[in-house]
Amino acid sequence: MKLTGVHHINIRCTESDLPAIEKFYGEVMGLRKGDRPNFPNPGIWLWHDNHPLVHVSARCAEGFLQDKHHGSVDHVAFGMSGAAEFRDRVQKLGIKFDAQNVPDAGFQIFLKDPIGTVLEFNFPNEEAPADIESGRLSARQREMAT
Protein backbone atom coordinates (compact mmCIF):
# COMPACT_ATOMS: atom_id res chain seq x y z
CA MET A 1 0.00 0.00 0.00
CA LYS A 2 1.24 3.51 -0.82
CA LEU A 3 -0.42 6.85 -0.18
CA THR A 4 -0.07 9.04 -3.26
CA GLY A 5 -1.48 12.32 -1.92
CA VAL A 6 -4.74 14.14 -1.33
CA HIS A 7 -7.12 13.39 -4.20
CA HIS A 8 -9.65 16.19 -3.65
CA ILE A 9 -11.51 18.24 -1.08
CA ASN A 10 -15.30 18.48 -0.98
CA ILE A 11 -17.10 21.62 0.12
CA ARG A 12 -20.77 21.41 1.05
CA CYS A 13 -22.91 24.51 0.49
CA THR A 14 -26.28 25.80 -0.72
CA GLU A 15 -27.09 25.92 -4.43
CA SER A 16 -27.06 29.73 -4.39
CA ASP A 17 -23.44 29.63 -3.10
CA LEU A 18 -22.16 27.85 -6.23
CA PRO A 19 -21.48 30.95 -8.42
CA ALA A 20 -19.50 32.74 -5.68
CA ILE A 21 -17.47 29.62 -4.92
CA GLU A 22 -16.70 29.04 -8.60
CA LYS A 23 -15.62 32.67 -9.02
CA PHE A 24 -13.50 32.66 -5.84
CA TYR A 25 -11.53 29.50 -6.64
CA GLY A 26 -11.10 30.62 -10.24
CA GLU A 27 -9.74 34.03 -9.29
CA VAL A 28 -7.66 32.95 -6.31
CA MET A 29 -6.25 29.60 -7.49
CA GLY A 30 -6.89 29.55 -11.23
CA LEU A 31 -9.21 26.53 -10.97
CA ARG A 32 -11.78 26.06 -13.73
CA LYS A 33 -15.18 24.44 -13.75
CA GLY A 34 -15.08 21.11 -15.55
CA ASP A 35 -16.84 17.80 -16.00
CA ARG A 36 -18.73 16.36 -13.04
CA PRO A 37 -20.66 13.08 -12.84
CA ASN A 38 -24.45 13.30 -12.97
CA PHE A 39 -25.01 13.22 -9.22
CA PRO A 40 -28.57 13.73 -7.89
CA ASN A 41 -27.64 17.02 -6.19
CA PRO A 42 -26.40 20.24 -7.82
CA GLY A 43 -22.70 21.01 -7.64
CA ILE A 44 -19.52 21.72 -9.53
CA TRP A 45 -16.05 20.26 -9.83
CA LEU A 46 -13.19 22.72 -10.07
CA TRP A 47 -10.22 21.45 -12.00
CA HIS A 48 -6.47 22.05 -11.74
CA ASP A 49 -4.77 20.90 -14.94
CA ASN A 50 -6.37 17.51 -15.65
CA HIS A 51 -7.62 16.77 -12.11
CA PRO A 52 -10.83 17.78 -10.27
CA LEU A 53 -9.19 19.11 -7.08
CA VAL A 54 -12.15 20.87 -5.44
CA HIS A 55 -15.58 19.22 -5.44
CA VAL A 56 -18.50 21.41 -4.41
CA SER A 57 -21.79 19.77 -3.41
CA ALA A 58 -24.96 21.81 -2.97
CA ARG A 59 -26.45 19.65 -0.24
CA CYS A 60 -27.38 22.34 2.31
CA ALA A 61 -30.80 23.96 2.44
CA GLU A 62 -31.03 27.59 1.39
CA GLY A 63 -30.60 29.79 4.43
CA PHE A 64 -28.18 27.32 6.02
CA LEU A 65 -25.67 29.19 8.11
CA GLN A 66 -23.20 27.55 10.43
CA ASP A 67 -22.10 30.27 12.83
CA LYS A 68 -19.70 28.05 14.77
CA HIS A 69 -17.28 25.46 13.54
CA HIS A 70 -18.34 22.08 14.89
CA GLY A 71 -16.19 19.74 12.82
CA SER A 72 -12.80 18.29 13.42
CA VAL A 73 -11.26 19.49 10.14
CA ASP A 74 -9.82 22.93 10.80
CA HIS A 75 -8.58 23.91 7.33
CA VAL A 76 -7.40 22.70 3.94
CA ALA A 77 -3.81 23.36 2.87
CA PHE A 78 -2.30 23.59 -0.61
CA GLY A 79 1.37 23.47 -1.62
CA MET A 80 2.25 26.45 -3.77
CA SER A 81 5.04 28.42 -5.39
CA GLY A 82 5.06 32.07 -6.43
CA ALA A 83 4.27 33.70 -3.07
CA ALA A 84 4.68 37.30 -4.23
CA GLU A 85 2.36 36.82 -7.22
CA PHE A 86 -0.21 35.00 -5.09
CA ARG A 87 -0.18 37.64 -2.32
CA ASP A 88 -0.53 40.42 -4.91
CA ARG A 89 -3.50 38.59 -6.47
CA VAL A 90 -5.26 38.15 -3.12
CA GLN A 91 -4.67 41.82 -2.24
CA LYS A 92 -5.99 43.02 -5.62
CA LEU A 93 -9.11 40.89 -5.12
CA GLY A 94 -9.64 42.57 -1.73
CA ILE A 95 -9.59 39.28 0.17
CA LYS A 96 -8.68 39.51 3.85
CA PHE A 97 -5.77 37.22 4.76
CA ASP A 98 -3.17 36.56 7.41
CA ALA A 99 0.33 35.20 6.97
CA GLN A 100 3.07 33.53 8.92
CA ASN A 101 6.66 32.54 8.27
CA VAL A 102 7.56 29.42 10.25
CA PRO A 103 11.27 28.50 10.10
CA ASP A 104 11.83 25.19 8.31
CA ALA A 105 8.06 24.81 7.75
CA GLY A 106 7.29 27.54 5.20
CA PHE A 107 5.66 30.85 4.46
CA GLN A 108 1.89 30.44 4.77
CA ILE A 109 -1.09 32.57 3.76
CA PHE A 110 -4.48 31.91 5.39
CA LEU A 111 -7.83 33.11 4.05
CA LYS A 112 -11.47 32.05 3.87
CA ASP A 113 -13.58 31.19 0.84
CA PRO A 114 -17.07 32.73 0.40
CA ILE A 115 -18.71 30.24 2.78
CA GLY A 116 -16.02 30.32 5.47
CA THR A 117 -13.79 27.38 4.56
CA VAL A 118 -10.30 28.19 5.89
CA LEU A 119 -7.61 27.72 3.23
CA GLU A 120 -3.86 27.61 3.84
CA PHE A 121 -1.40 28.21 1.01
CA ASN A 122 2.14 26.95 1.72
CA PHE A 123 5.23 28.39 0.03
CA PRO A 124 8.95 27.77 0.61
CA ASN A 125 10.42 29.97 3.37
CA GLU A 126 12.71 31.68 0.86
CA GLU A 127 9.63 33.08 -0.92
CA ALA A 128 8.43 34.95 2.19
CA PRO A 129 8.18 38.70 1.57
CA ALA A 130 10.57 40.95 3.50
CA ASP A 131 7.73 42.35 5.65
CA ILE A 132 6.91 38.88 7.06
CA GLU A 133 9.93 38.14 9.23
CA SER A 134 11.04 34.63 10.08
CA GLY A 135 9.22 33.37 13.16
CA ARG A 136 6.11 35.54 12.70
CA LEU A 137 2.98 33.53 13.49
CA SER A 138 -0.54 34.10 12.27
CA ALA A 139 -3.19 35.28 14.73
CA ARG A 140 -5.00 31.98 14.09
CA GLN A 141 -2.21 30.18 16.00
CA ARG A 142 -3.48 31.86 19.18
CA GLU A 143 -7.23 31.38 18.53
CA MET A 144 -9.11 29.14 20.93
CA ALA A 145 -12.18 27.29 19.69
CA THR A 146 -15.27 28.10 21.74
C-alpha atoms as a PDB file:
ATOM      1  CA  MET A   1       0.000   0.000   0.000  1.00  0.00           C
ATOM      2  CA  LYS A   2       1.239   3.511  -0.818  1.00  0.00           C
ATOM      3  CA  LEU A   3      -0.425   6.855  -0.177  1.00  0.00           C
ATOM      4  CA  THR A   4      -0.068   9.040  -3.259  1.00  0.00           C
ATOM      5  CA  GLY A   5      -1.478  12.322  -1.918  1.00  0.00           C
ATOM      6  CA  VAL A   6      -4.737  14.138  -1.330  1.00  0.00           C
ATOM      7  CA  HIS A   7      -7.115  13.394  -4.199  1.00  0.00           C
ATOM      8  CA  HIS A   8      -9.652  16.192  -3.647  1.00  0.00           C
ATOM      9  CA  ILE A   9     -11.515  18.237  -1.084  1.00  0.00           C
ATOM     10  CA  ASN A  10     -15.299  18.476  -0.984  1.00  0.00           C
ATOM     11  CA  ILE A  11     -17.098  21.620   0.119  1.00  0.00           C
ATOM     12  CA  ARG A  12     -20.769  21.412   1.053  1.00  0.00           C
ATOM     13  CA  CYS A  13     -22.914  24.514   0.488  1.00  0.00           C
ATOM     14  CA  THR A  14     -26.279  25.800  -0.725  1.00  0.00           C
ATOM     15  CA  GLU A  15     -27.091  25.925  -4.430  1.00  0.00           C
ATOM     16  CA  SER A  16     -27.058  29.735  -4.390  1.00  0.00           C
ATOM     17  CA  ASP A  17     -23.436  29.632  -3.095  1.00  0.00           C
ATOM     18  CA  LEU A  18     -22.160  27.854  -6.233  1.00  0.00           C
ATOM     19  CA  PRO A  19     -21.484  30.948  -8.424  1.00  0.00           C
ATOM     20  CA  ALA A  20     -19.503  32.737  -5.680  1.00  0.00           C
ATOM     21  CA  ILE A  21     -17.471  29.625  -4.918  1.00  0.00           C
ATOM     22  CA  GLU A  22     -16.696  29.036  -8.602  1.00  0.00           C
ATOM     23  CA  LYS A  23     -15.619  32.674  -9.022  1.00  0.00           C
ATOM     24  CA  PHE A  24     -13.499  32.658  -5.844  1.00  0.00           C
ATOM     25  CA  TYR A  25     -11.533  29.497  -6.637  1.00  0.00           C
ATOM     26  CA  GLY A  26     -11.099  30.620 -10.235  1.00  0.00           C
ATOM     27  CA  GLU A  27      -9.744  34.034  -9.294  1.00  0.00           C
ATOM     28  CA  VAL A  28      -7.656  32.947  -6.311  1.00  0.00           C
ATOM     29  CA  MET A  29      -6.251  29.602  -7.494  1.00  0.00           C
ATOM     30  CA  GLY A  30      -6.891  29.547 -11.235  1.00  0.00           C
ATOM     31  CA  LEU A  31      -9.207  26.531 -10.968  1.00  0.00           C
ATOM     32  CA  ARG A  32     -11.782  26.065 -13.726  1.00  0.00           C
ATOM     33  CA  LYS A  33     -15.184  24.438 -13.749  1.00  0.00           C
ATOM     34  CA  GLY A  34     -15.084  21.107 -15.546  1.00  0.00           C
ATOM     35  CA  ASP A  35     -16.840  17.797 -16.000  1.00  0.00           C
ATOM     36  CA  ARG A  36     -18.725  16.359 -13.045  1.00  0.00           C
ATOM     37  CA  PRO A  37     -20.663  13.079 -12.837  1.00  0.00           C
ATOM     38  CA  ASN A  38     -24.446  13.301 -12.972  1.00  0.00           C
ATOM     39  CA  PHE A  39     -25.015  13.215  -9.215  1.00  0.00           C
ATOM     40  CA  PRO A  40     -28.574  13.729  -7.888  1.00  0.00           C
ATOM     41  CA  ASN A  41     -27.640  17.020  -6.190  1.00  0.00           C
ATOM     42  CA  PRO A  42     -26.397  20.236  -7.818  1.00  0.00           C
ATOM     43  CA  GLY A  43     -22.699  21.012  -7.639  1.00  0.00           C
ATOM     44  CA  ILE A  44     -19.520  21.722  -9.528  1.00  0.00           C
ATOM     45  CA  TRP A  45     -16.055  20.257  -9.831  1.00  0.00           C
ATOM     46  CA  LEU A  46     -13.185  22.723 -10.068  1.00  0.00           C
ATOM     47  CA  TRP A  47     -10.222  21.453 -11.999  1.00  0.00           C
ATOM     48  CA  HIS A  48      -6.473  22.055 -11.741  1.00  0.00           C
ATOM     49  CA  ASP A  49      -4.773  20.904 -14.938  1.00  0.00           C
ATOM     50  CA  ASN A  50      -6.370  17.511 -15.649  1.00  0.00           C
ATOM     51  CA  HIS A  51      -7.620  16.774 -12.113  1.00  0.00           C
ATOM     52  CA  PRO A  52     -10.830  17.782 -10.271  1.00  0.00           C
ATOM     53  CA  LEU A  53      -9.190  19.114  -7.084  1.00  0.00           C
ATOM     54  CA  VAL A  54     -12.153  20.871  -5.440  1.00  0.00           C
ATOM     55  CA  HIS A  55     -15.579  19.216  -5.436  1.00  0.00           C
ATOM     56  CA  VAL A  56     -18.505  21.408  -4.412  1.00  0.00           C
ATOM     57  CA  SER A  57     -21.789  19.769  -3.413  1.00  0.00           C
ATOM     58  CA  ALA A  58     -24.960  21.812  -2.970  1.00  0.00           C
ATOM     59  CA  ARG A  59     -26.451  19.650  -0.239  1.00  0.00           C
ATOM     60  CA  CYS A  60     -27.378  22.336   2.307  1.00  0.00           C
ATOM     61  CA  ALA A  61     -30.798  23.958   2.440  1.00  0.00           C
ATOM     62  CA  GLU A  62     -31.033  27.593   1.387  1.00  0.00           C
ATOM     63  CA  GLY A  63     -30.600  29.788   4.433  1.00  0.00           C
ATOM     64  CA  PHE A  64     -28.182  27.315   6.025  1.00  0.00           C
ATOM     65  CA  LEU A  65     -25.670  29.191   8.114  1.00  0.00           C
ATOM     66  CA  GLN A  66     -23.199  27.553  10.432  1.00  0.00           C
ATOM     67  CA  ASP A  67     -22.104  30.273  12.833  1.00  0.00           C
ATOM     68  CA  LYS A  68     -19.701  28.050  14.775  1.00  0.00           C
ATOM     69  CA  HIS A  69     -17.278  25.460  13.543  1.00  0.00           C
ATOM     70  CA  HIS A  70     -18.343  22.078  14.893  1.00  0.00           C
ATOM     71  CA  GLY A  71     -16.195  19.740  12.825  1.00  0.00           C
ATOM     72  CA  SER A  72     -12.797  18.288  13.420  1.00  0.00           C
ATOM     73  CA  VAL A  73     -11.259  19.487  10.141  1.00  0.00           C
ATOM     74  CA  ASP A  74      -9.815  22.932  10.798  1.00  0.00           C
ATOM     75  CA  HIS A  75      -8.582  23.910   7.330  1.00  0.00           C
ATOM     76  CA  VAL A  76      -7.404  22.702   3.936  1.00  0.00           C
ATOM     77  CA  ALA A  77      -3.806  23.358   2.875  1.00  0.00           C
ATOM     78  CA  PHE A  78      -2.295  23.593  -0.612  1.00  0.00           C
ATOM     79  CA  GLY A  79       1.373  23.465  -1.624  1.00  0.00           C
ATOM     80  CA  MET A  80       2.253  26.453  -3.769  1.00  0.00           C
ATOM     81  CA  SER A  81       5.038  28.424  -5.390  1.00  0.00           C
ATOM     82  CA  GLY A  82       5.055  32.072  -6.432  1.00  0.00           C
ATOM     83  CA  ALA A  83       4.271  33.700  -3.070  1.00  0.00           C
ATOM     84  CA  ALA A  84       4.676  37.305  -4.230  1.00  0.00           C
ATOM     85  CA  GLU A  85       2.358  36.822  -7.218  1.00  0.00           C
ATOM     86  CA  PHE A  86      -0.213  34.997  -5.087  1.00  0.00           C
ATOM     87  CA  ARG A  87      -0.176  37.638  -2.324  1.00  0.00           C
ATOM     88  CA  ASP A  88      -0.532  40.418  -4.911  1.00  0.00           C
ATOM     89  CA  ARG A  89      -3.500  38.590  -6.468  1.00  0.00           C
ATOM     90  CA  VAL A  90      -5.262  38.151  -3.120  1.00  0.00           C
ATOM     91  CA  GLN A  91      -4.673  41.820  -2.237  1.00  0.00           C
ATOM     92  CA  LYS A  92      -5.991  43.019  -5.620  1.00  0.00           C
ATOM     93  CA  LEU A  93      -9.105  40.892  -5.118  1.00  0.00           C
ATOM     94  CA  GLY A  94      -9.639  42.566  -1.732  1.00  0.00           C
ATOM     95  CA  ILE A  95      -9.588  39.276   0.167  1.00  0.00           C
ATOM     96  CA  LYS A  96      -8.679  39.507   3.848  1.00  0.00           C
ATOM     97  CA  PHE A  97      -5.773  37.223   4.758  1.00  0.00           C
ATOM     98  CA  ASP A  98      -3.168  36.556   7.407  1.00  0.00           C
ATOM     99  CA  ALA A  99       0.334  35.201   6.971  1.00  0.00           C
ATOM    100  CA  GLN A 100       3.073  33.532   8.918  1.00  0.00           C
ATOM    101  CA  ASN A 101       6.661  32.535   8.267  1.00  0.00           C
ATOM    102  CA  VAL A 102       7.563  29.416  10.248  1.00  0.00           C
ATOM    103  CA  PRO A 103      11.275  28.498  10.099  1.00  0.00           C
ATOM    104  CA  ASP A 104      11.833  25.185   8.311  1.00  0.00           C
ATOM    105  CA  ALA A 105       8.060  24.815   7.752  1.00  0.00           C
ATOM    106  CA  GLY A 106       7.292  27.536   5.202  1.00  0.00           C
ATOM    107  CA  PHE A 107       5.656  30.849   4.461  1.00  0.00           C
ATOM    108  CA  GLN A 108       1.889  30.444   4.769  1.00  0.00           C
ATOM    109  CA  ILE A 109      -1.092  32.575   3.764  1.00  0.00           C
ATOM    110  CA  PHE A 110      -4.484  31.914   5.395  1.00  0.00           C
ATOM    111  CA  LEU A 111      -7.834  33.108   4.046  1.00  0.00           C
ATOM    112  CA  LYS A 112     -11.474  32.047   3.868  1.00  0.00           C
ATOM    113  CA  ASP A 113     -13.579  31.191   0.842  1.00  0.00           C
ATOM    114  CA  PRO A 114     -17.073  32.734   0.402  1.00  0.00           C
ATOM    115  CA  ILE A 115     -18.711  30.236   2.780  1.00  0.00           C
ATOM    116  CA  GLY A 116     -16.021  30.320   5.469  1.00  0.00           C
ATOM    117  CA  THR A 117     -13.787  27.382   4.559  1.00  0.00           C
ATOM    118  CA  VAL A 118     -10.296  28.192   5.886  1.00  0.00           C
ATOM    119  CA  LEU A 119      -7.614  27.719   3.230  1.00  0.00           C
ATOM    120  CA  GLU A 120      -3.858  27.613   3.843  1.00  0.00           C
ATOM    121  CA  PHE A 121      -1.403  28.214   1.012  1.00  0.00           C
ATOM    122  CA  ASN A 122       2.142  26.952   1.715  1.00  0.00           C
ATOM    123  CA  PHE A 123       5.230  28.387   0.031  1.00  0.00           C
ATOM    124  CA  PRO A 124       8.948  27.774   0.605  1.00  0.00           C
ATOM    125  CA  ASN A 125      10.424  29.968   3.371  1.00  0.00           C
ATOM    126  CA  GLU A 126      12.708  31.680   0.862  1.00  0.00           C
ATOM    127  CA  GLU A 127       9.628  33.084  -0.917  1.00  0.00           C
ATOM    128  CA  ALA A 128       8.430  34.952   2.194  1.00  0.00           C
ATOM    129  CA  PRO A 129       8.183  38.697   1.575  1.00  0.00           C
ATOM    130  CA  ALA A 130      10.568  40.950   3.504  1.00  0.00           C
ATOM    131  CA  ASP A 131       7.727  42.348   5.647  1.00  0.00           C
ATOM    132  CA  ILE A 132       6.907  38.876   7.056  1.00  0.00           C
ATOM    133  CA  GLU A 133       9.926  38.144   9.229  1.00  0.00           C
ATOM    134  CA  SER A 134      11.037  34.630  10.079  1.00  0.00           C
ATOM    135  CA  GLY A 135       9.217  33.365  13.160  1.00  0.00           C
ATOM    136  CA  ARG A 136       6.109  35.536  12.695  1.00  0.00           C
ATOM    137  CA  LEU A 137       2.981  33.529  13.494  1.00  0.00           C
ATOM    138  CA  SER A 138      -0.543  34.103  12.273  1.00  0.00           C
ATOM    139  CA  ALA A 139      -3.189  35.281  14.732  1.00  0.00           C
ATOM    140  CA  ARG A 140      -4.999  31.979  14.094  1.00  0.00           C
ATOM    141  CA  GLN A 141      -2.210  30.178  15.998  1.00  0.00           C
ATOM    142  CA  ARG A 142      -3.480  31.858  19.176  1.00  0.00           C
ATOM    143  CA  GLU A 143      -7.225  31.384  18.528  1.00  0.00           C
ATOM    144  CA  MET A 144      -9.110  29.138  20.929  1.00  0.00           C
ATOM    145  CA  ALA A 145     -12.180  27.293  19.688  1.00  0.00           C
ATOM    146  CA  THR A 146     -15.267  28.101  21.735  1.00  0.00           C
END
